[in-house]
């Protein structure tokens, strides 16, 4: 993945900022345990009985007749009080190729990926250790278990080796065991991606925790961001070419769970990161990095203007930045009401004994669905 390169029109210099943008997020391997049914239900209900809802969505398999099915199984209520899974929702999935037949080369399902969000580990088999994923290999349907699972950002990917394959005729195909994991958020509709052994893939509907893709974004859509001059009459005009991408924000759902923003001028570059999704009423940290281009001895005074109703939990929003690059952050507490709120950085650059150059950079902070 190429690092972003931003050209400043006045300096005619192109800088590659390695420090503040991630190239690839590391995948975390998830712990898997094999369990039996109905014993695993006891994690969420003392009677070991769960009221469930199934969503079954079909999908085409390359070079085969019949349709595969992705089954999502969710509960109508969260785990009961007094159980290990109290307040948590179990999510189970099964890939069913029973009705799929392939007369020639068999193309199999090798992976399932979906936007799941934070996983709540639980002790599913009672051995005193917590696991991320459970597979019902006894007392349930199926014959193929996921061989591994990993999470990159919010996206969980289950891999199958051996893969889940069609039969030599419809009605003789394989299906996976039910495999599951837990979340503190109730179910919502998402798009799941099934990967095949021939390198192709297909998407279909599944159930996953609410808030997986805030505002229907895909993680690459620019977020509104604005730059404009402010301050008293007589302040220098901000010299930004209107065709230059001076201020940009991008949501990064799959990799870093953040909104990345960048502001560029002939005087300085500034980057900041805001976590997403951001539940109402929760504390969060805005991390900011500044890279001045001004001559030695000139410092930028940067103030964070938080939206009305947001509470500042730590000092340090009003800072004089040295001419060397710096990385700072401030903790805030979000307002309780979900919505999009406009925040500002005010950047004041001294230009002489009595003069200054002032930028104001506006950017959004989005508060998503309430905590359950």
Foldseek 3Di string as FASTA:
>chain_A
DDADWFAAVVVRDIDGDPPPDDDFFDKAWFFEEEDAPLLLLCQQPVVSDFAKDKDKDWDDDPQKDDTKIKIKIWGPAFGPPPHNRHLKIKIKIKIGQQQIAHQPDKKFWFKKKWQAADFDWTDRHPPPDTGFKYFHPHHFDFDFEFPTWIAAQRMIMTGTVVGFIHHNHGRHGGMHTIMITMDNADKDKTWMWIAIPVGDIDIDIYIHGPPSDPPPDDQFDKFDKDKAFDDDPPADHAPDDPVGPQKIWTGHRRHHQWIWMWGDHQFWIKIWIWHPDAAAFAKTKIKMKIATPDDAPKWKFKAKADFPQKAWDDDDRTDTHGNHMDMDMTMITHHNDFDKTKIWMWIWTDPDPPHIHIMIMIGIRGHDDHRD
